[in-house]
C-alpha atoms as a PDB file:
ATOM      1  CA  UNK A   1       3.817  -1.314  27.588  1.00  0.00           C
ATOM      2  CA  UNK A   2       4.421  -4.478  25.565  1.00  0.00           C
ATOM      3  CA  UNK A   3       5.084  -4.240  21.848  1.00  0.00           C
ATOM      4  CA  UNK A   4       4.023  -6.522  19.029  1.00  0.00           C
ATOM      5  CA  UNK A   5       6.983  -8.277  17.455  1.00  0.00           C
ATOM      6  CA  UNK A   6       5.365  -7.963  14.036  1.00  0.00           C
ATOM      7  CA  UNK A   7       2.325  -6.284  12.609  1.00  0.00           C
ATOM      8  CA  UNK A   8      -0.956  -8.189  12.869  1.00  0.00           C
ATOM      9  CA  UNK A   9      -2.068  -9.976   9.718  1.00  0.00           C
ATOM     10  CA  UNK A  10      -5.444  -8.751   8.513  1.00  0.00           C
ATOM     11  CA  UNK A  11      -8.113 -11.112   7.291  1.00  0.00           C
ATOM     12  CA  UNK A  12     -10.392 -10.011   4.448  1.00  0.00           C
ATOM     13  CA  UNK A  13     -13.182  -9.492   6.964  1.00  0.00           C
ATOM     14  CA  UNK A  14     -10.954  -7.320   9.177  1.00  0.00           C
ATOM     15  CA  UNK A  15      -9.815  -5.296   6.164  1.00  0.00           C
ATOM     16  CA  UNK A  16     -13.442  -4.539   5.235  1.00  0.00           C
ATOM     17  CA  UNK A  17     -14.323  -3.621   8.839  1.00  0.00           C
ATOM     18  CA  UNK A  18     -11.253  -1.410   9.255  1.00  0.00           C
ATOM     19  CA  UNK A  19     -11.855   0.242   5.878  1.00  0.00           C
ATOM     20  CA  UNK A  20     -15.373   1.196   7.053  1.00  0.00           C
ATOM     21  CA  UNK A  21     -14.012   2.537  10.348  1.00  0.00           C
ATOM     22  CA  UNK A  22     -11.297   4.479   8.541  1.00  0.00           C
ATOM     23  CA  UNK A  23     -13.845   5.987   6.151  1.00  0.00           C
ATOM     24  CA  UNK A  24     -16.015   6.963   9.125  1.00  0.00           C
ATOM     25  CA  UNK A  25     -13.161   8.638  11.014  1.00  0.00           C
ATOM     26  CA  UNK A  26     -11.153  10.001   8.118  1.00  0.00           C
ATOM     27  CA  UNK A  27     -13.704  10.676   5.397  1.00  0.00           C
ATOM     28  CA  UNK A  28     -11.762  11.262   2.206  1.00  0.00           C
ATOM     29  CA  UNK A  29     -13.325  12.628  -0.933  1.00  0.00           C
ATOM     30  CA  UNK A  30      -9.976  12.775  -2.748  1.00  0.00           C
ATOM     31  CA  UNK A  31      -7.098  10.352  -2.564  1.00  0.00           C
ATOM     32  CA  UNK A  32      -5.009  12.277  -5.069  1.00  0.00           C
ATOM     33  CA  UNK A  33      -1.559  12.033  -3.449  1.00  0.00           C
ATOM     34  CA  UNK A  34      -0.352  15.245  -5.084  1.00  0.00           C
ATOM     35  CA  UNK A  35      -3.198  17.026  -3.320  1.00  0.00           C
ATOM     36  CA  UNK A  36      -2.488  15.243  -0.051  1.00  0.00           C
ATOM     37  CA  UNK A  37       1.224  16.031  -0.066  1.00  0.00           C
ATOM     38  CA  UNK A  38       0.949  19.665  -1.135  1.00  0.00           C
ATOM     39  CA  UNK A  39      -0.296  21.909   1.599  1.00  0.00           C
ATOM     40  CA  UNK A  40       1.031  25.198   2.763  1.00  0.00           C
ATOM     41  CA  UNK A  41       1.412  24.711   6.484  1.00  0.00           C
ATOM     42  CA  UNK A  42       1.484  21.974   9.114  1.00  0.00           C
ATOM     43  CA  UNK A  43      -1.745  21.673  11.101  1.00  0.00           C
ATOM     44  CA  UNK A  44      -1.872  22.191  14.844  1.00  0.00           C
ATOM     45  CA  UNK A  45      -3.767  19.088  15.940  1.00  0.00           C
ATOM     46  CA  UNK A  46      -3.393  19.413  19.696  1.00  0.00           C
ATOM     47  CA  UNK A  47      -2.521  22.074  22.237  1.00  0.00           C
ATOM     48  CA  UNK A  48      -2.975  22.554  25.943  1.00  0.00           C
ATOM     49  CA  UNK A  49      -3.047  25.487  28.331  1.00  0.00           C
ATOM     50  CA  UNK A  50       0.700  25.240  29.080  1.00  0.00           C
ATOM     51  CA  UNK A  51       1.807  26.100  25.544  1.00  0.00           C
ATOM     52  CA  UNK A  52       2.549  22.524  24.481  1.00  0.00           C
ATOM     53  CA  UNK A  53       1.275  21.786  20.995  1.00  0.00           C
ATOM     54  CA  UNK A  54       1.592  19.170  18.284  1.00  0.00           C
ATOM     55  CA  UNK A  55       1.623  19.915  14.580  1.00  0.00           C
ATOM     56  CA  UNK A  56       1.265  17.226  11.921  1.00  0.00           C
ATOM     57  CA  UNK A  57       2.860  17.897   8.580  1.00  0.00           C
ATOM     58  CA  UNK A  58       4.869  16.574   5.686  1.00  0.00           C
ATOM     59  CA  UNK A  59       8.532  16.480   4.668  1.00  0.00           C
ATOM     60  CA  UNK A  60       8.291  19.877   3.021  1.00  0.00           C
ATOM     61  CA  UNK A  61       7.118  21.426   6.295  1.00  0.00           C
ATOM     62  CA  UNK A  62      10.031  19.809   8.145  1.00  0.00           C
ATOM     63  CA  UNK A  63      12.529  21.486   5.839  1.00  0.00           C
ATOM     64  CA  UNK A  64      10.872  24.923   6.028  1.00  0.00           C
ATOM     65  CA  UNK A  65      12.885  26.389   8.897  1.00  0.00           C
ATOM     66  CA  UNK A  66      11.194  29.777   8.613  1.00  0.00           C
ATOM     67  CA  UNK A  67       7.716  28.283   9.154  1.00  0.00           C
ATOM     68  CA  UNK A  68       8.995  26.186  12.067  1.00  0.00           C
ATOM     69  CA  UNK A  69      10.508  29.285  13.631  1.00  0.00           C
ATOM     70  CA  UNK A  70       7.322  31.325  13.129  1.00  0.00           C
ATOM     71  CA  UNK A  71       5.237  28.577  14.743  1.00  0.00           C
ATOM     72  CA  UNK A  72       7.755  28.204  17.574  1.00  0.00           C
ATOM     73  CA  UNK A  73       8.520  24.538  16.841  1.00  0.00           C
ATOM     74  CA  UNK A  74      11.585  23.273  18.704  1.00  0.00           C
ATOM     75  CA  UNK A  75      10.949  19.495  18.641  1.00  0.00           C
ATOM     76  CA  UNK A  76      10.767  17.514  15.390  1.00  0.00           C
ATOM     77  CA  UNK A  77       9.625  13.893  15.218  1.00  0.00           C
ATOM     78  CA  UNK A  78      10.473  12.429  11.799  1.00  0.00           C
ATOM     79  CA  UNK A  79       8.601   9.175  11.159  1.00  0.00           C
ATOM     80  CA  UNK A  80      10.160   8.596   7.716  1.00  0.00           C
ATOM     81  CA  UNK A  81      13.877   8.976   8.414  1.00  0.00           C
ATOM     82  CA  UNK A  82      16.039   7.890   5.531  1.00  0.00           C
ATOM     83  CA  UNK A  83      13.412   8.375   2.845  1.00  0.00           C
ATOM     84  CA  UNK A  84      13.905  10.985   0.124  1.00  0.00           C
ATOM     85  CA  UNK A  85      12.928  14.434   1.415  1.00  0.00           C
ATOM     86  CA  UNK A  86      13.137  13.258   5.047  1.00  0.00           C
ATOM     87  CA  UNK A  87      16.833  13.649   5.759  1.00  0.00           C
ATOM     88  CA  UNK A  88      16.804  16.652   8.087  1.00  0.00           C
ATOM     89  CA  UNK A  89      18.960  16.121  11.194  1.00  0.00           C
ATOM     90  CA  UNK A  90      19.775  18.057  14.350  1.00  0.00           C
ATOM     91  CA  UNK A  91      22.938  19.240  12.618  1.00  0.00           C
ATOM     92  CA  UNK A  92      20.806  20.893   9.922  1.00  0.00           C
ATOM     93  CA  UNK A  93      18.237  22.270  12.364  1.00  0.00           C
ATOM     94  CA  UNK A  94      20.798  23.575  14.813  1.00  0.00           C
ATOM     95  CA  UNK A  95      21.129  23.459  18.598  1.00  0.00           C
ATOM     96  CA  UNK A  96      17.728  25.046  19.267  1.00  0.00           C
ATOM     97  CA  UNK A  97      15.958  21.898  18.026  1.00  0.00           C
ATOM     98  CA  UNK A  98      15.500  18.465  19.542  1.00  0.00           C
ATOM     99  CA  UNK A  99      14.905  15.703  16.967  1.00  0.00           C
ATOM    100  CA  UNK A 100      13.872  12.069  16.954  1.00  0.00           C
ATOM    101  CA  UNK A 101      14.311  10.217  13.674  1.00  0.00           C
ATOM    102  CA  UNK A 102      12.358   6.977  13.206  1.00  0.00           C
ATOM    103  CA  UNK A 103      12.734   4.899  10.070  1.00  0.00           C
ATOM    104  CA  UNK A 104       9.188   3.557   9.697  1.00  0.00           C
ATOM    105  CA  UNK A 105       7.621   2.048   6.596  1.00  0.00           C
ATOM    106  CA  UNK A 106       4.185   3.085   5.375  1.00  0.00           C
ATOM    107  CA  UNK A 107       2.847  -0.358   4.532  1.00  0.00           C
ATOM    108  CA  UNK A 108      -0.028  -2.160   6.253  1.00  0.00           C
ATOM    109  CA  UNK A 109       2.371  -4.954   7.264  1.00  0.00           C
ATOM    110  CA  UNK A 110       4.806  -2.595   9.003  1.00  0.00           C
ATOM    111  CA  UNK A 111       4.709  -2.721  12.818  1.00  0.00           C
ATOM    112  CA  UNK A 112       4.487   0.986  13.620  1.00  0.00           C
ATOM    113  CA  UNK A 113       3.399   0.205  17.185  1.00  0.00           C
ATOM    114  CA  UNK A 114       6.971  -0.863  17.992  1.00  0.00           C
ATOM    115  CA  UNK A 115       7.751   2.871  18.008  1.00  0.00           C
ATOM    116  CA  UNK A 116       4.868   3.989  20.239  1.00  0.00           C
ATOM    117  CA  UNK A 117       6.972   3.889  23.442  1.00  0.00           C
ATOM    118  CA  UNK A 118       9.877   5.894  21.994  1.00  0.00           C
ATOM    119  CA  UNK A 119       7.589   8.458  20.391  1.00  0.00           C
ATOM    120  CA  UNK A 120       5.582   8.695  23.656  1.00  0.00           C
ATOM    121  CA  UNK A 121       8.788   9.451  25.567  1.00  0.00           C
ATOM    122  CA  UNK A 122       9.851  12.095  23.030  1.00  0.00           C
ATOM    123  CA  UNK A 123       6.426  13.773  22.980  1.00  0.00           C
ATOM    124  CA  UNK A 124       6.236  13.686  26.780  1.00  0.00           C
ATOM    125  CA  UNK A 125       9.612  15.417  26.996  1.00  0.00           C
ATOM    126  CA  UNK A 126       8.233  18.133  24.700  1.00  0.00           C
ATOM    127  CA  UNK A 127       5.101  18.406  26.853  1.00  0.00           C
ATOM    128  CA  UNK A 128       7.154  18.763  30.054  1.00  0.00           C
ATOM    129  CA  UNK A 129       9.117  21.542  28.377  1.00  0.00           C
ATOM    130  CA  UNK A 130       5.914  23.176  27.077  1.00  0.00           C
ATOM    131  CA  UNK A 131       7.348  22.930  23.581  1.00  0.00           C
ATOM    132  CA  UNK A 132       5.807  22.888  20.135  1.00  0.00           C
ATOM    133  CA  UNK A 133       6.402  19.706  18.133  1.00  0.00           C
ATOM    134  CA  UNK A 134       6.214  18.924  14.432  1.00  0.00           C
ATOM    135  CA  UNK A 135       5.451  15.257  13.772  1.00  0.00           C
ATOM    136  CA  UNK A 136       5.961  14.466  10.116  1.00  0.00           C
ATOM    137  CA  UNK A 137       6.473  11.756   7.544  1.00  0.00           C
ATOM    138  CA  UNK A 138       6.617  12.140   3.761  1.00  0.00           C
ATOM    139  CA  UNK A 139       2.997  13.243   3.249  1.00  0.00           C
ATOM    140  CA  UNK A 140       1.758  13.851   6.803  1.00  0.00           C
ATOM    141  CA  UNK A 141      -1.083  11.431   6.175  1.00  0.00           C
ATOM    142  CA  UNK A 142      -0.477   7.977   7.681  1.00  0.00           C
ATOM    143  CA  UNK A 143       2.646   7.389   9.827  1.00  0.00           C
ATOM    144  CA  UNK A 144       2.757  10.769  11.552  1.00  0.00           C
ATOM    145  CA  UNK A 145      -1.007  10.818  12.094  1.00  0.00           C
ATOM    146  CA  UNK A 146      -1.000   7.299  13.547  1.00  0.00           C
ATOM    147  CA  UNK A 147       1.712   8.131  16.082  1.00  0.00           C
ATOM    148  CA  UNK A 148      -0.101  11.301  17.165  1.00  0.00           C
ATOM    149  CA  UNK A 149      -3.424   9.464  17.490  1.00  0.00           C
ATOM    150  CA  UNK A 150      -1.736   6.767  19.621  1.00  0.00           C
ATOM    151  CA  UNK A 151      -0.154   9.466  21.788  1.00  0.00           C
ATOM    152  CA  UNK A 152      -3.455  11.304  22.327  1.00  0.00           C
ATOM    153  CA  UNK A 153      -5.222   8.044  23.171  1.00  0.00           C
ATOM    154  CA  UNK A 154      -2.702   7.464  25.938  1.00  0.00           C
ATOM    155  CA  UNK A 155      -2.339  11.073  27.100  1.00  0.00           C
ATOM    156  CA  UNK A 156      -6.026  11.939  27.230  1.00  0.00           C
ATOM    157  CA  UNK A 157      -7.532   8.481  27.730  1.00  0.00           C
ATOM    158  CA  UNK A 158      -9.386   8.940  24.449  1.00  0.00           C
ATOM    159  CA  UNK A 159     -10.760   6.125  22.343  1.00  0.00           C
ATOM    160  CA  UNK A 160      -9.445   5.546  18.836  1.00  0.00           C
ATOM    161  CA  UNK A 161     -12.650   7.086  17.504  1.00  0.00           C
ATOM    162  CA  UNK A 162     -12.318  10.239  19.642  1.00  0.00           C
ATOM    163  CA  UNK A 163      -8.594  10.732  18.952  1.00  0.00           C
ATOM    164  CA  UNK A 164      -8.946   9.917  15.260  1.00  0.00           C
ATOM    165  CA  UNK A 165     -11.866  12.274  14.776  1.00  0.00           C
ATOM    166  CA  UNK A 166     -10.070  15.023  16.691  1.00  0.00           C
ATOM    167  CA  UNK A 167      -6.913  14.790  14.570  1.00  0.00           C
ATOM    168  CA  UNK A 168      -8.899  14.482  11.338  1.00  0.00           C
ATOM    169  CA  UNK A 169     -10.892  17.613  12.139  1.00  0.00           C
ATOM    170  CA  UNK A 170      -7.641  19.540  12.609  1.00  0.00           C
ATOM    171  CA  UNK A 171      -5.855  18.002   9.605  1.00  0.00           C
ATOM    172  CA  UNK A 172      -8.391  16.579   7.137  1.00  0.00           C
ATOM    173  CA  UNK A 173      -5.621  14.950   5.075  1.00  0.00           C
ATOM    174  CA  UNK A 174      -4.856  12.249   7.671  1.00  0.00           C
ATOM    175  CA  UNK A 175      -5.600   8.703   6.516  1.00  0.00           C
ATOM    176  CA  UNK A 176      -3.785   5.886   8.365  1.00  0.00           C
ATOM    177  CA  UNK A 177      -3.343   2.696   6.358  1.00  0.00           C
ATOM    178  CA  UNK A 178      -5.405  -0.344   7.373  1.00  0.00           C
ATOM    179  CA  UNK A 179      -2.523  -2.056   9.170  1.00  0.00           C
ATOM    180  CA  UNK A 180      -2.001   1.059  11.287  1.00  0.00           C
ATOM    181  CA  UNK A 181      -5.734   1.191  12.021  1.00  0.00           C
ATOM    182  CA  UNK A 182      -5.524  -2.363  13.395  1.00  0.00           C
ATOM    183  CA  UNK A 183      -2.497  -1.422  15.506  1.00  0.00           C
ATOM    184  CA  UNK A 184      -4.405   1.566  16.896  1.00  0.00           C
ATOM    185  CA  UNK A 185      -7.273  -0.761  17.838  1.00  0.00           C
ATOM    186  CA  UNK A 186      -4.806  -3.049  19.635  1.00  0.00           C
ATOM    187  CA  UNK A 187      -3.273   0.006  21.338  1.00  0.00           C
ATOM    188  CA  UNK A 188      -6.750   0.991  22.529  1.00  0.00           C
ATOM    189  CA  UNK A 189      -7.256  -2.489  23.962  1.00  0.00           C
ATOM    190  CA  UNK A 190      -3.908  -2.342  25.801  1.00  0.00           C
ATOM    191  CA  UNK A 191      -4.671   1.120  27.147  1.00  0.00           C
ATOM    192  CA  UNK A 192      -8.119   0.007  28.332  1.00  0.00           C
ATOM    193  CA  UNK A 193      -6.493  -2.786  30.321  1.00  0.00           C
ATOM    194  CA  UNK A 194      -3.889  -0.413  31.763  1.00  0.00           C
ATOM    195  CA  UNK A 195      -6.414   2.260  32.684  1.00  0.00           C
ATOM    196  CA  UNK A 196      -8.687  -0.364  34.242  1.00  0.00           C
ATOM    197  CA  UNK A 197      -5.841  -1.502  36.525  1.00  0.00           C
ATOM    198  CA  UNK A 198      -5.151   1.955  37.946  1.00  0.00           C
END
């Protein structure tokens, strides 16, 4: 799958349209970041009959080894590597864990889609192994949610609306930034072309 070299620039009109779509999919009554960051447990946003499941959470969840063990998580996808609170590595987790660390910014101008192929490969490895995965960033709101939505769009053939609504119902805190919303729309367009060619 081809990757954008840089994030798409949003016009004012696109920003308004994407803001409406985001509000529709990820209705937020509160944007208090302290409330968004603080939650007790990562949310299971997807599972299948084989035992594979995806949790979306924050940096605090990623460092809570007891919770990860209780939930059976053995794969950790860190979308905010290098940021404060997001420095967990395989050395810290131990040999029972498989980790992918991605240093991704949470700004509308950041090209998160450049990581969709690598995160797809990592999540597919977890699915083949019937593993449980924690996908996290600092707050578990934008970067991690966007990557999971992109993955589910490709895995299940879901539209952005279907995947976004599904993830939001499981973890109401998700709220991708407008640049990531645009990249998810472009991902949907690419997937539609790929699916149509099969």
